[in-house]
Amino acid sequence: MLTSAKRYAPLGIFAAVAALSASLIPPTLSQEAATIRIDGSSTVYPVTEAVAEAFQKAEGGKVRVTVGISGTGGGFKKFCRGETDISNASRPILAKEMEACKAAGVRYIELPVAYDALTVVVNPRNTWAKSLTVAELKKIWEPGSTINNWNQVRKGFPNIPLKLFGAGADSGTFDYFTEAINGKAKASRKDYTASEDDNVLVQGVSRERGALGYFGYAYYAENKSKLKPVAIDNGKGPVMPSEKTVVDGTYQPLSRPIFIYVNAKAAQRPEVKKFITYYLNNAPAMVKKVKYVPLPASAYKTVLANFNKNRIGTIFGGKEAVGLTINELLSLEAKE
């Protein structure tokens, strides 16, 4: 049974799991059950949540898994203080976080688990913004931007106020989006509705005709009746987010890998080792279930082998992975 340190995703398929969490310790869960503590990205949450629920059932109450949503940055703060065993992350660990972990003596194993198409969405009543260029997105979101009406975005767009909804500063999605669109992580205008909880953003965009927002594809897929995706034009024509465009590398620059980070000391505990093995063995089905893009089956075997070899550290050197295709990620995994 899942418990959350912060909140649950209350919509659609996530609601069923949240409803099951009414009691902290269900009758089938032993008071002495081993506990695995997870926190971090709201983007990765749906995958880890689905795996955790299935794993706990498979273990018959012997292991308790808690999954919180503090955002990637917030999750790493807890992880590097040794407060969690696993950190969900929608971007690679950054240099400052690496230093924080090092200072606290926390070593970690980096495991890519899926790909996400970071999705730009508008309200269903928006009939004009079927696609946006990267340059237009930058004009909207760059620091100091004064764009507050759709007619300022592109000639021919209507005179309708532009209401912006985006990830909060502790979110890996915020870091990735600002790096990909504005050229520098965390470089963004500040006058918008921000949250680390993507469901808050979903609700905001669904209520405002002139709204524009962004978050992980799973949250769009779970709320298709309330949202409309926008095709992204990176100079080669508009491309919609989808499994196909992520796999073939055409959905750029908003296609990205997502990760879990495992505390290397915690990884030696039998229940954590069993959980990670279960996670990676079942990832293809679980990832598809929550509408993200699974890695090739062979990749999960490689990632599991890296975990079993206790491969410490990151392959990204404290930097973002903007524009990294699945094949490029697998090439990096294989080299290490």
C-alpha atoms as a PDB file:
ATOM      1  CA  MET A   1       0.000   0.000   0.000  1.00  0.00           C
ATOM      2  CA  LEU A   2       1.332   3.375  -0.960  1.00  0.00           C
ATOM      3  CA  THR A   3       1.789   6.222   1.414  1.00  0.00           C
ATOM      4  CA  SER A   4       2.968   9.642   0.331  1.00  0.00           C
ATOM      5  CA  ALA A   5       5.148  12.068   2.229  1.00  0.00           C
ATOM      6  CA  LYS A   6       3.382  14.945   0.542  1.00  0.00           C
ATOM      7  CA  ARG A   7       0.372  14.260  -1.716  1.00  0.00           C
ATOM      8  CA  TYR A   8      -1.188  11.851  -4.157  1.00  0.00           C
ATOM      9  CA  ALA A   9      -2.059  12.229  -7.818  1.00  0.00           C
ATOM     10  CA  PRO A  10      -5.859  12.459  -7.536  1.00  0.00           C
ATOM     11  CA  LEU A  11      -6.881  11.934 -11.155  1.00  0.00           C
ATOM     12  CA  GLY A  12      -7.745   8.966 -13.363  1.00  0.00           C
ATOM     13  CA  ILE A  13      -5.685   5.804 -12.954  1.00  0.00           C
ATOM     14  CA  PHE A  14      -3.722   7.491 -10.161  1.00  0.00           C
ATOM     15  CA  ALA A  15      -6.943   7.967  -8.164  1.00  0.00           C
ATOM     16  CA  ALA A  16      -7.412   4.251  -7.699  1.00  0.00           C
ATOM     17  CA  VAL A  17      -4.038   3.952  -6.008  1.00  0.00           C
ATOM     18  CA  ALA A  18      -4.593   7.082  -3.929  1.00  0.00           C
ATOM     19  CA  ALA A  19      -7.948   5.736  -2.743  1.00  0.00           C
ATOM     20  CA  LEU A  20      -6.272   2.574  -1.561  1.00  0.00           C
ATOM     21  CA  SER A  21      -4.018   4.664   0.662  1.00  0.00           C
ATOM     22  CA  ALA A  22      -6.775   5.662   3.079  1.00  0.00           C
ATOM     23  CA  SER A  23      -5.040   3.910   5.936  1.00  0.00           C
ATOM     24  CA  LEU A  24      -1.316   4.098   6.597  1.00  0.00           C
ATOM     25  CA  ILE A  25      -1.004   0.420   7.506  1.00  0.00           C
ATOM     26  CA  PRO A  26      -3.602  -1.888   5.916  1.00  0.00           C
ATOM     27  CA  PRO A  27      -4.569  -5.136   7.615  1.00  0.00           C
ATOM     28  CA  THR A  28      -2.342  -7.166   5.299  1.00  0.00           C
ATOM     29  CA  LEU A  29       0.751  -5.106   6.115  1.00  0.00           C
ATOM     30  CA  SER A  30       2.793  -6.140   9.106  1.00  0.00           C
ATOM     31  CA  GLN A  31       3.757  -3.489  11.651  1.00  0.00           C
ATOM     32  CA  GLU A  32       7.293  -4.890  11.389  1.00  0.00           C
ATOM     33  CA  ALA A  33       7.379  -4.646   7.586  1.00  0.00           C
ATOM     34  CA  ALA A  34      10.630  -3.354   6.085  1.00  0.00           C
ATOM     35  CA  THR A  35      10.232   0.145   4.645  1.00  0.00           C
ATOM     36  CA  ILE A  36      11.628   1.599   1.421  1.00  0.00           C
ATOM     37  CA  ARG A  37      11.482   5.401   1.320  1.00  0.00           C
ATOM     38  CA  ILE A  38      11.140   7.146  -2.058  1.00  0.00           C
ATOM     39  CA  ASP A  39      10.617  10.813  -2.929  1.00  0.00           C
ATOM     40  CA  GLY A  40      11.252  13.246  -5.756  1.00  0.00           C
ATOM     41  CA  SER A  41       9.871  13.922  -9.219  1.00  0.00           C
ATOM     42  CA  SER A  42       6.141  14.121  -9.894  1.00  0.00           C
ATOM     43  CA  THR A  43       6.928  13.077 -13.473  1.00  0.00           C
ATOM     44  CA  VAL A  44       8.515   9.790 -12.384  1.00  0.00           C
ATOM     45  CA  TYR A  45       5.933   9.307  -9.618  1.00  0.00           C
ATOM     46  CA  PRO A  46       3.331   7.470 -11.774  1.00  0.00           C
ATOM     47  CA  VAL A  47       5.868   4.812 -12.812  1.00  0.00           C
ATOM     48  CA  THR A  48       7.347   4.282  -9.361  1.00  0.00           C
ATOM     49  CA  GLU A  49       3.888   4.378  -7.777  1.00  0.00           C
ATOM     50  CA  ALA A  50       2.626   1.641 -10.117  1.00  0.00           C
ATOM     51  CA  VAL A  51       5.704  -0.511  -9.494  1.00  0.00           C
ATOM     52  CA  ALA A  52       5.523   0.010  -5.729  1.00  0.00           C
ATOM     53  CA  GLU A  53       1.856  -0.970  -5.530  1.00  0.00           C
ATOM     54  CA  ALA A  54       2.439  -4.170  -7.527  1.00  0.00           C
ATOM     55  CA  PHE A  55       5.610  -5.003  -5.591  1.00  0.00           C
ATOM     56  CA  GLN A  56       3.919  -4.677  -2.222  1.00  0.00           C
ATOM     57  CA  LYS A  57       1.142  -6.996  -3.316  1.00  0.00           C
ATOM     58  CA  ALA A  58       3.693  -9.490  -4.597  1.00  0.00           C
ATOM     59  CA  GLU A  59       5.513  -9.353  -1.259  1.00  0.00           C
ATOM     60  CA  GLY A  60       2.323 -10.005   0.696  1.00  0.00           C
ATOM     61  CA  GLY A  61       2.795  -7.232   3.229  1.00  0.00           C
ATOM     62  CA  LYS A  62       6.434  -7.936   4.039  1.00  0.00           C
ATOM     63  CA  VAL A  63       7.650  -4.632   2.577  1.00  0.00           C
ATOM     64  CA  ARG A  64       6.180  -1.136   2.831  1.00  0.00           C
ATOM     65  CA  VAL A  65       7.015   1.421   0.139  1.00  0.00           C
ATOM     66  CA  THR A  66       6.370   5.145   0.647  1.00  0.00           C
ATOM     67  CA  VAL A  67       6.394   7.435  -2.404  1.00  0.00           C
ATOM     68  CA  GLY A  68       6.415  11.217  -2.009  1.00  0.00           C
ATOM     69  CA  ILE A  69       6.308  14.116  -4.458  1.00  0.00           C
ATOM     70  CA  SER A  70       8.785  16.865  -3.566  1.00  0.00           C
ATOM     71  CA  GLY A  71       9.991  17.549  -7.107  1.00  0.00           C
ATOM     72  CA  THR A  72      13.329  16.348  -8.445  1.00  0.00           C
ATOM     73  CA  GLY A  73      15.295  19.044  -6.636  1.00  0.00           C
ATOM     74  CA  GLY A  74      13.383  18.610  -3.398  1.00  0.00           C
ATOM     75  CA  GLY A  75      13.830  14.863  -3.645  1.00  0.00           C
ATOM     76  CA  PHE A  76      17.592  15.157  -4.099  1.00  0.00           C
ATOM     77  CA  LYS A  77      17.810  17.400  -1.020  1.00  0.00           C
ATOM     78  CA  LYS A  78      16.249  14.623   1.072  1.00  0.00           C
ATOM     79  CA  PHE A  79      18.253  11.919  -0.719  1.00  0.00           C
ATOM     80  CA  CYS A  80      21.578  13.656  -0.151  1.00  0.00           C
ATOM     81  CA  ARG A  81      20.730  14.036   3.541  1.00  0.00           C
ATOM     82  CA  GLY A  82      20.204  10.285   3.723  1.00  0.00           C
ATOM     83  CA  GLU A  83      16.488  10.624   4.410  1.00  0.00           C
ATOM     84  CA  THR A  84      15.365   8.475   1.472  1.00  0.00           C
ATOM     85  CA  ASP A  85      16.530   5.245  -0.127  1.00  0.00           C
ATOM     86  CA  ILE A  86      15.538   6.096  -3.697  1.00  0.00           C
ATOM     87  CA  SER A  87      15.051   9.425  -5.471  1.00  0.00           C
ATOM     88  CA  ASN A  88      12.780   9.854  -8.490  1.00  0.00           C
ATOM     89  CA  ALA A  89      14.337  12.311 -10.955  1.00  0.00           C
ATOM     90  CA  SER A  90      13.136  13.773 -14.237  1.00  0.00           C
ATOM     91  CA  ARG A  91      16.678  14.924 -15.053  1.00  0.00           C
ATOM     92  CA  PRO A  92      20.200  13.786 -14.178  1.00  0.00           C
ATOM     93  CA  ILE A  93      21.679  14.765 -10.826  1.00  0.00           C
ATOM     94  CA  LEU A  94      23.281  18.228 -10.976  1.00  0.00           C
ATOM     95  CA  ALA A  95      26.790  19.208  -9.878  1.00  0.00           C
ATOM     96  CA  LYS A  96      25.598  20.988  -6.718  1.00  0.00           C
ATOM     97  CA  GLU A  97      23.566  17.918  -5.755  1.00  0.00           C
ATOM     98  CA  MET A  98      26.543  15.673  -6.406  1.00  0.00           C
ATOM     99  CA  GLU A  99      28.564  17.850  -4.025  1.00  0.00           C
ATOM    100  CA  ALA A 100      25.825  17.728  -1.395  1.00  0.00           C
ATOM    101  CA  CYS A 101      25.708  13.942  -1.570  1.00  0.00           C
ATOM    102  CA  LYS A 102      29.502  13.726  -1.429  1.00  0.00           C
ATOM    103  CA  ALA A 103      29.665  16.000   1.617  1.00  0.00           C
ATOM    104  CA  ALA A 104      27.142  13.789   3.407  1.00  0.00           C
ATOM    105  CA  GLY A 105      28.858  10.565   2.389  1.00  0.00           C
ATOM    106  CA  VAL A 106      25.927   9.466   0.243  1.00  0.00           C
ATOM    107  CA  ARG A 107      26.923   7.406  -2.789  1.00  0.00           C
ATOM    108  CA  TYR A 108      24.339   6.541  -5.423  1.00  0.00           C
ATOM    109  CA  ILE A 109      23.535   4.338  -8.394  1.00  0.00           C
ATOM    110  CA  GLU A 110      21.895   6.093 -11.368  1.00  0.00           C
ATOM    111  CA  LEU A 111      19.249   4.073 -13.234  1.00  0.00           C
ATOM    112  CA  PRO A 112      17.364   5.366 -16.302  1.00  0.00           C
ATOM    113  CA  VAL A 113      13.876   3.842 -16.312  1.00  0.00           C
ATOM    114  CA  ALA A 114      11.960   5.421 -19.227  1.00  0.00           C
ATOM    115  CA  TYR A 115      11.604   8.298 -21.660  1.00  0.00           C
ATOM    116  CA  ASP A 116       9.148  11.154 -21.369  1.00  0.00           C
ATOM    117  CA  ALA A 117       7.817  13.568 -23.956  1.00  0.00           C
ATOM    118  CA  LEU A 118       7.620  16.775 -21.963  1.00  0.00           C
ATOM    119  CA  THR A 119       4.295  18.101 -23.257  1.00  0.00           C
ATOM    120  CA  VAL A 120       3.154  21.664 -23.897  1.00  0.00           C
ATOM    121  CA  VAL A 121      -0.614  21.925 -23.494  1.00  0.00           C
ATOM    122  CA  VAL A 122      -3.400  24.445 -23.979  1.00  0.00           C
ATOM    123  CA  ASN A 123      -7.079  24.563 -23.070  1.00  0.00           C
ATOM    124  CA  PRO A 124      -9.398  22.554 -25.392  1.00  0.00           C
ATOM    125  CA  ARG A 125     -11.169  25.807 -26.324  1.00  0.00           C
ATOM    126  CA  ASN A 126      -7.904  27.079 -27.797  1.00  0.00           C
ATOM    127  CA  THR A 127      -8.454  26.718 -31.573  1.00  0.00           C
ATOM    128  CA  TRP A 128      -5.435  28.695 -32.756  1.00  0.00           C
ATOM    129  CA  ALA A 129      -2.227  27.365 -31.177  1.00  0.00           C
ATOM    130  CA  LYS A 130      -1.977  23.983 -32.875  1.00  0.00           C
ATOM    131  CA  SER A 131       1.800  24.313 -32.932  1.00  0.00           C
ATOM    132  CA  LEU A 132       4.460  26.584 -31.481  1.00  0.00           C
ATOM    133  CA  THR A 133       8.076  27.053 -32.460  1.00  0.00           C
ATOM    134  CA  VAL A 134      10.888  26.794 -29.935  1.00  0.00           C
ATOM    135  CA  ALA A 135      11.546  30.488 -30.587  1.00  0.00           C
ATOM    136  CA  GLU A 136       7.940  31.350 -29.714  1.00  0.00           C
ATOM    137  CA  LEU A 137       8.134  29.315 -26.523  1.00  0.00           C
ATOM    138  CA  LYS A 138      11.309  31.159 -25.608  1.00  0.00           C
ATOM    139  CA  LYS A 139       9.650  34.507 -26.277  1.00  0.00           C
ATOM    140  CA  ILE A 140       6.884  33.489 -23.872  1.00  0.00           C
ATOM    141  CA  TRP A 141       8.991  31.919 -21.116  1.00  0.00           C
ATOM    142  CA  GLU A 142      12.347  33.717 -21.133  1.00  0.00           C
ATOM    143  CA  PRO A 143      13.356  35.821 -18.100  1.00  0.00           C
ATOM    144  CA  GLY A 144      11.799  39.276 -18.220  1.00  0.00           C
ATOM    145  CA  SER A 145       9.216  38.321 -20.843  1.00  0.00           C
ATOM    146  CA  THR A 146       6.227  40.659 -20.958  1.00  0.00           C
ATOM    147  CA  ILE A 147       4.158  38.496 -23.283  1.00  0.00           C
ATOM    148  CA  ASN A 148       0.720  38.395 -21.674  1.00  0.00           C
ATOM    149  CA  ASN A 149      -1.618  38.052 -24.648  1.00  0.00           C
ATOM    150  CA  TRP A 150      -1.813  35.471 -27.405  1.00  0.00           C
ATOM    151  CA  ASN A 151      -1.724  38.200 -30.077  1.00  0.00           C
ATOM    152  CA  GLN A 152       1.827  38.991 -28.939  1.00  0.00           C
ATOM    153  CA  VAL A 153       2.984  35.430 -29.604  1.00  0.00           C
ATOM    154  CA  ARG A 154       2.218  35.256 -33.323  1.00  0.00           C
ATOM    155  CA  LYS A 155       0.505  37.487 -35.854  1.00  0.00           C
ATOM    156  CA  GLY A 156      -3.012  36.201 -36.371  1.00  0.00           C
ATOM    157  CA  PHE A 157      -3.434  34.804 -32.876  1.00  0.00           C
ATOM    158  CA  PRO A 158      -6.477  36.292 -31.084  1.00  0.00           C
ATOM    159  CA  ASN A 159      -6.648  39.042 -28.493  1.00  0.00           C
ATOM    160  CA  ILE A 160      -6.990  36.695 -25.519  1.00  0.00           C
ATOM    161  CA  PRO A 161      -5.026  36.953 -22.247  1.00  0.00           C
ATOM    162  CA  LEU A 162      -2.240  34.394 -21.909  1.00  0.00           C
ATOM    163  CA  LYS A 163      -2.288  32.536 -18.579  1.00  0.00           C
ATOM    164  CA  LEU A 164       0.843  30.507 -17.847  1.00  0.00           C
ATOM    165  CA  PHE A 165       1.170  27.331 -15.755  1.00  0.00           C
ATOM    166  CA  GLY A 166       4.496  25.595 -15.246  1.00  0.00           C
ATOM    167  CA  ALA A 167       6.725  23.547 -13.033  1.00  0.00           C
ATOM    168  CA  GLY A 168       8.007  24.902  -9.719  1.00  0.00           C
ATOM    169  CA  ALA A 169      11.653  25.712  -9.033  1.00  0.00           C
ATOM    170  CA  ASP A 170      12.277  22.373  -7.255  1.00  0.00           C
ATOM    171  CA  SER A 171      11.057  20.426 -10.274  1.00  0.00           C
ATOM    172  CA  GLY A 172      13.374  18.618 -12.677  1.00  0.00           C
ATOM    173  CA  THR A 173      10.826  19.428 -15.354  1.00  0.00           C
ATOM    174  CA  PHE A 174      11.456  23.128 -14.668  1.00  0.00           C
ATOM    175  CA  ASP A 175      15.201  22.608 -14.997  1.00  0.00           C
ATOM    176  CA  TYR A 176      14.858  20.623 -18.217  1.00  0.00           C
ATOM    177  CA  PHE A 177      12.293  22.905 -19.873  1.00  0.00           C
ATOM    178  CA  THR A 178      14.223  26.089 -19.115  1.00  0.00           C
ATOM    179  CA  GLU A 179      17.481  24.555 -20.350  1.00  0.00           C
ATOM    180  CA  ALA A 180      15.858  23.236 -23.541  1.00  0.00           C
ATOM    181  CA  ILE A 181      13.823  26.334 -24.371  1.00  0.00           C
ATOM    182  CA  ASN A 182      15.684  29.266 -22.785  1.00  0.00           C
ATOM    183  CA  GLY A 183      19.208  27.855 -23.012  1.00  0.00           C
ATOM    184  CA  LYS A 184      19.890  27.866 -19.276  1.00  0.00           C
ATOM    185  CA  ALA A 185      18.433  25.777 -16.458  1.00  0.00           C
ATOM    186  CA  LYS A 186      16.193  27.775 -14.085  1.00  0.00           C
ATOM    187  CA  ALA A 187      16.220  30.819 -16.400  1.00  0.00           C
ATOM    188  CA  SER A 188      12.528  31.700 -16.597  1.00  0.00           C
ATOM    189  CA  ARG A 189      10.015  34.456 -16.139  1.00  0.00           C
ATOM    190  CA  LYS A 190       8.518  34.271 -12.659  1.00  0.00           C
ATOM    191  CA  ASP A 191       4.992  35.629 -13.158  1.00  0.00           C
ATOM    192  CA  TYR A 192       3.190  32.340 -13.727  1.00  0.00           C
ATOM    193  CA  THR A 193       1.350  29.741 -11.656  1.00  0.00           C
ATOM    194  CA  ALA A 194       4.040  27.303 -10.509  1.00  0.00           C
ATOM    195  CA  SER A 195       3.771  23.937  -8.790  1.00  0.00           C
ATOM    196  CA  GLU A 196       5.783  20.743  -8.286  1.00  0.00           C
ATOM    197  CA  ASP A 197       2.450  18.902  -8.396  1.00  0.00           C
ATOM    198  CA  ASP A 198       1.495  18.428 -12.044  1.00  0.00           C
ATOM    199  CA  ASN A 199      -2.162  17.899 -11.150  1.00  0.00           C
ATOM    200  CA  VAL A 200      -2.346  21.525 -10.008  1.00  0.00           C
ATOM    201  CA  LEU A 201      -1.121  22.563 -13.458  1.00  0.00           C
ATOM    202  CA  VAL A 202      -3.595  20.238 -15.198  1.00  0.00           C
ATOM    203  CA  GLN A 203      -6.479  21.822 -13.316  1.00  0.00           C
ATOM    204  CA  GLY A 204      -5.255  25.340 -14.046  1.00  0.00           C
ATOM    205  CA  VAL A 205      -4.917  24.830 -17.811  1.00  0.00           C
ATOM    206  CA  SER A 206      -8.269  23.034 -17.983  1.00  0.00           C
ATOM    207  CA  ARG A 207     -10.092  26.046 -16.499  1.00  0.00           C
ATOM    208  CA  GLU A 208      -8.579  28.934 -18.489  1.00  0.00           C
ATOM    209  CA  ARG A 209      -9.309  29.369 -22.197  1.00  0.00           C
ATOM    210  CA  GLY A 210      -6.079  31.317 -22.706  1.00  0.00           C
ATOM    211  CA  ALA A 211      -3.917  28.950 -20.647  1.00  0.00           C
ATOM    212  CA  LEU A 212      -0.581  27.429 -21.652  1.00  0.00           C
ATOM    213  CA  GLY A 213       1.322  24.923 -19.538  1.00  0.00           C
ATOM    214  CA  TYR A 214       3.860  22.105 -19.614  1.00  0.00           C
ATOM    215  CA  PHE A 215       4.454  18.824 -17.768  1.00  0.00           C
ATOM    216  CA  GLY A 216       5.187  15.138 -18.321  1.00  0.00           C
ATOM    217  CA  TYR A 217       3.259  13.254 -21.018  1.00  0.00           C
ATOM    218  CA  ALA A 218       1.536  10.912 -18.522  1.00  0.00           C
ATOM    219  CA  TYR A 219      -0.404  13.805 -17.026  1.00  0.00           C
ATOM    220  CA  TYR A 220      -1.609  14.912 -20.465  1.00  0.00           C
ATOM    221  CA  ALA A 221      -2.505  11.328 -21.429  1.00  0.00           C
ATOM    222  CA  GLU A 222      -4.521  10.902 -18.244  1.00  0.00           C
ATOM    223  CA  ASN A 223      -6.443  14.142 -18.892  1.00  0.00           C
ATOM    224  CA  LYS A 224      -6.982  14.219 -22.656  1.00  0.00           C
ATOM    225  CA  SER A 225     -10.556  15.445 -22.305  1.00  0.00           C
ATOM    226  CA  LYS A 226      -9.350  18.511 -20.394  1.00  0.00           C
ATOM    227  CA  LEU A 227      -6.224  19.403 -22.367  1.00  0.00           C
ATOM    228  CA  LYS A 228      -4.936  19.813 -25.909  1.00  0.00           C
ATOM    229  CA  PRO A 229      -1.281  19.085 -26.802  1.00  0.00           C
ATOM    230  CA  VAL A 230       0.725  21.509 -28.890  1.00  0.00           C
ATOM    231  CA  ALA A 231       3.061  20.326 -31.662  1.00  0.00           C
ATOM    232  CA  ILE A 232       6.622  21.634 -31.272  1.00  0.00           C
ATOM    233  CA  ASP A 233       8.532  23.023 -34.238  1.00  0.00           C
ATOM    234  CA  ASN A 234      12.284  22.857 -33.708  1.00  0.00           C
ATOM    235  CA  GLY A 235      13.038  24.034 -37.237  1.00  0.00           C
ATOM    236  CA  LYS A 236      11.980  20.893 -39.099  1.00  0.00           C
ATOM    237  CA  GLY A 237       8.214  21.323 -38.901  1.00  0.00           C
ATOM    238  CA  PRO A 238       5.683  20.716 -36.102  1.00  0.00           C
ATOM    239  CA  VAL A 239       5.978  17.389 -34.267  1.00  0.00           C
ATOM    240  CA  MET A 240       3.447  16.065 -31.767  1.00  0.00           C
ATOM    241  CA  PRO A 241       4.566  14.244 -28.609  1.00  0.00           C
ATOM    242  CA  SER A 242       4.091  10.476 -28.909  1.00  0.00           C
ATOM    243  CA  GLU A 243       5.894   7.195 -28.352  1.00  0.00           C
ATOM    244  CA  LYS A 244       6.808   7.088 -32.051  1.00  0.00           C
ATOM    245  CA  THR A 245       8.316  10.586 -32.158  1.00  0.00           C
ATOM    246  CA  VAL A 246      10.278   9.959 -28.952  1.00  0.00           C
ATOM    247  CA  VAL A 247      11.662   6.666 -30.249  1.00  0.00           C
ATOM    248  CA  ASP A 248      12.603   8.032 -33.684  1.00  0.00           C
ATOM    249  CA  GLY A 249      14.201  11.133 -32.137  1.00  0.00           C
ATOM    250  CA  THR A 250      12.033  13.695 -33.936  1.00  0.00           C
ATOM    251  CA  TYR A 251      10.343  15.157 -30.852  1.00  0.00           C
ATOM    252  CA  GLN A 252      13.014  17.653 -29.899  1.00  0.00           C
ATOM    253  CA  PRO A 253      14.118  19.265 -27.696  1.00  0.00           C
ATOM    254  CA  LEU A 254      11.476  18.112 -25.183  1.00  0.00           C
ATOM    255  CA  SER A 255      12.123  14.352 -25.259  1.00  0.00           C
ATOM    256  CA  ARG A 256      14.039  13.296 -22.156  1.00  0.00           C
ATOM    257  CA  PRO A 257      15.139  10.307 -20.061  1.00  0.00           C
ATOM    258  CA  ILE A 258      13.791   9.910 -16.546  1.00  0.00           C
ATOM    259  CA  PHE A 259      15.581   8.179 -13.668  1.00  0.00           C
ATOM    260  CA  ILE A 260      15.636   6.667 -10.247  1.00  0.00           C
ATOM    261  CA  TYR A 261      18.705   7.097  -8.021  1.00  0.00           C
ATOM    262  CA  VAL A 262      19.409   4.450  -5.398  1.00  0.00           C
ATOM    263  CA  ASN A 263      21.413   5.078  -2.244  1.00  0.00           C
ATOM    264  CA  ALA A 264      24.332   2.636  -2.619  1.00  0.00           C
ATOM    265  CA  LYS A 265      24.229   1.662   1.063  1.00  0.00           C
ATOM    266  CA  ALA A 266      20.478   1.082   0.939  1.00  0.00           C
ATOM    267  CA  ALA A 267      20.979  -0.998  -2.213  1.00  0.00           C
ATOM    268  CA  GLN A 268      22.670  -3.655  -0.089  1.00  0.00           C
ATOM    269  CA  ARG A 269      19.473  -4.248   1.890  1.00  0.00           C
ATOM    270  CA  PRO A 270      17.608  -7.332   0.622  1.00  0.00           C
ATOM    271  CA  GLU A 271      14.245  -5.573   0.272  1.00  0.00           C
ATOM    272  CA  VAL A 272      15.753  -2.681  -1.748  1.00  0.00           C
ATOM    273  CA  LYS A 273      17.678  -5.055  -4.001  1.00  0.00           C
ATOM    274  CA  LYS A 274      14.513  -7.073  -4.564  1.00  0.00           C
ATOM    275  CA  PHE A 275      12.484  -3.911  -5.259  1.00  0.00           C
ATOM    276  CA  ILE A 276      14.940  -2.581  -7.855  1.00  0.00           C
ATOM    277  CA  THR A 277      15.098  -5.990  -9.551  1.00  0.00           C
ATOM    278  CA  TYR A 278      11.295  -6.079  -9.639  1.00  0.00           C
ATOM    279  CA  TYR A 279      11.190  -2.478 -10.916  1.00  0.00           C
ATOM    280  CA  LEU A 280      13.519  -3.087 -13.861  1.00  0.00           C
ATOM    281  CA  ASN A 281      12.083  -6.483 -14.763  1.00  0.00           C
ATOM    282  CA  ASN A 282       8.564  -5.040 -14.888  1.00  0.00           C
ATOM    283  CA  ALA A 283       9.416  -1.566 -16.179  1.00  0.00           C
ATOM    284  CA  PRO A 284       8.374  -2.101 -19.835  1.00  0.00           C
ATOM    285  CA  ALA A 285       4.781  -2.937 -18.873  1.00  0.00           C
ATOM    286  CA  MET A 286       4.565  -0.401 -16.049  1.00  0.00           C
ATOM    287  CA  VAL A 287       6.003   2.413 -18.153  1.00  0.00           C
ATOM    288  CA  LYS A 288       3.521   1.744 -20.945  1.00  0.00           C
ATOM    289  CA  LYS A 289       0.685   1.555 -18.426  1.00  0.00           C
ATOM    290  CA  VAL A 290       1.272   5.137 -17.335  1.00  0.00           C
ATOM    291  CA  LYS A 291       1.814   6.345 -20.923  1.00  0.00           C
ATOM    292  CA  TYR A 292       5.562   6.945 -20.944  1.00  0.00           C
ATOM    293  CA  VAL A 293       8.001   5.406 -23.432  1.00  0.00           C
ATOM    294  CA  PRO A 294       9.832   2.279 -22.259  1.00  0.00           C
ATOM    295  CA  LEU A 295      13.460   1.648 -23.085  1.00  0.00           C
ATOM    296  CA  PRO A 296      14.180  -1.397 -25.270  1.00  0.00           C
ATOM    297  CA  ALA A 297      13.935  -4.658 -23.302  1.00  0.00           C
ATOM    298  CA  SER A 298      17.668  -5.228 -23.677  1.00  0.00           C
ATOM    299  CA  ALA A 299      18.343  -1.843 -22.077  1.00  0.00           C
ATOM    300  CA  TYR A 300      16.631  -2.830 -18.834  1.00  0.00           C
ATOM    301  CA  LYS A 301      18.876  -5.888 -18.644  1.00  0.00           C
ATOM    302  CA  THR A 302      21.911  -3.618 -19.034  1.00  0.00           C
ATOM    303  CA  VAL A 303      20.612  -1.196 -16.397  1.00  0.00           C
ATOM    304  CA  LEU A 304      19.899  -4.072 -13.980  1.00  0.00           C
ATOM    305  CA  ALA A 305      23.379  -5.461 -14.586  1.00  0.00           C
ATOM    306  CA  ASN A 306      24.839  -2.027 -13.775  1.00  0.00           C
ATOM    307  CA  PHE A 307      22.833  -2.013 -10.544  1.00  0.00           C
ATOM    308  CA  ASN A 308      24.001  -5.487  -9.585  1.00  0.00           C
ATOM    309  CA  LYS A 309      27.590  -4.427 -10.298  1.00  0.00           C
ATOM    310  CA  ASN A 310      27.016  -1.494  -7.934  1.00  0.00           C
ATOM    311  CA  ARG A 311      28.014   1.060 -10.570  1.00  0.00           C
ATOM    312  CA  ILE A 312      28.396   4.235  -8.526  1.00  0.00           C
ATOM    313  CA  GLY A 313      27.890   7.760  -9.880  1.00  0.00           C
ATOM    314  CA  THR A 314      26.407   9.437 -12.922  1.00  0.00           C
ATOM    315  CA  ILE A 315      27.249   9.263 -16.626  1.00  0.00           C
ATOM    316  CA  PHE A 316      26.210  12.895 -17.126  1.00  0.00           C
ATOM    317  CA  GLY A 317      28.839  14.737 -15.096  1.00  0.00           C
ATOM    318  CA  GLY A 318      26.358  16.993 -13.352  1.00  0.00           C
ATOM    319  CA  LYS A 319      24.836  18.337 -16.566  1.00  0.00           C
ATOM    320  CA  GLU A 320      21.400  18.216 -18.194  1.00  0.00           C
ATOM    321  CA  ALA A 321      20.653  15.714 -20.957  1.00  0.00           C
ATOM    322  CA  VAL A 322      18.856  18.036 -23.375  1.00  0.00           C
ATOM    323  CA  GLY A 323      18.251  16.535 -26.812  1.00  0.00           C
ATOM    324  CA  LEU A 324      19.538  13.089 -25.816  1.00  0.00           C
ATOM    325  CA  THR A 325      17.878  10.359 -27.900  1.00  0.00           C
ATOM    326  CA  ILE A 326      17.200   6.854 -26.638  1.00  0.00           C
ATOM    327  CA  ASN A 327      19.989   5.439 -28.797  1.00  0.00           C
ATOM    328  CA  GLU A 328      22.451   8.007 -27.464  1.00  0.00           C
ATOM    329  CA  LEU A 329      21.472   7.180 -23.893  1.00  0.00           C
ATOM    330  CA  LEU A 330      21.934   3.461 -24.505  1.00  0.00           C
ATOM    331  CA  SER A 331      25.332   4.126 -26.067  1.00  0.00           C
ATOM    332  CA  LEU A 332      26.383   5.993 -22.906  1.00  0.00           C
ATOM    333  CA  GLU A 333      25.069   3.183 -20.701  1.00  0.00           C
ATOM    334  CA  ALA A 334      26.973   0.580 -22.687  1.00  0.00           C
ATOM    335  CA  LYS A 335      30.278   2.483 -22.547  1.00  0.00           C
ATOM    336  CA  GLU A 336      30.305   2.901 -18.798  1.00  0.00           C
END
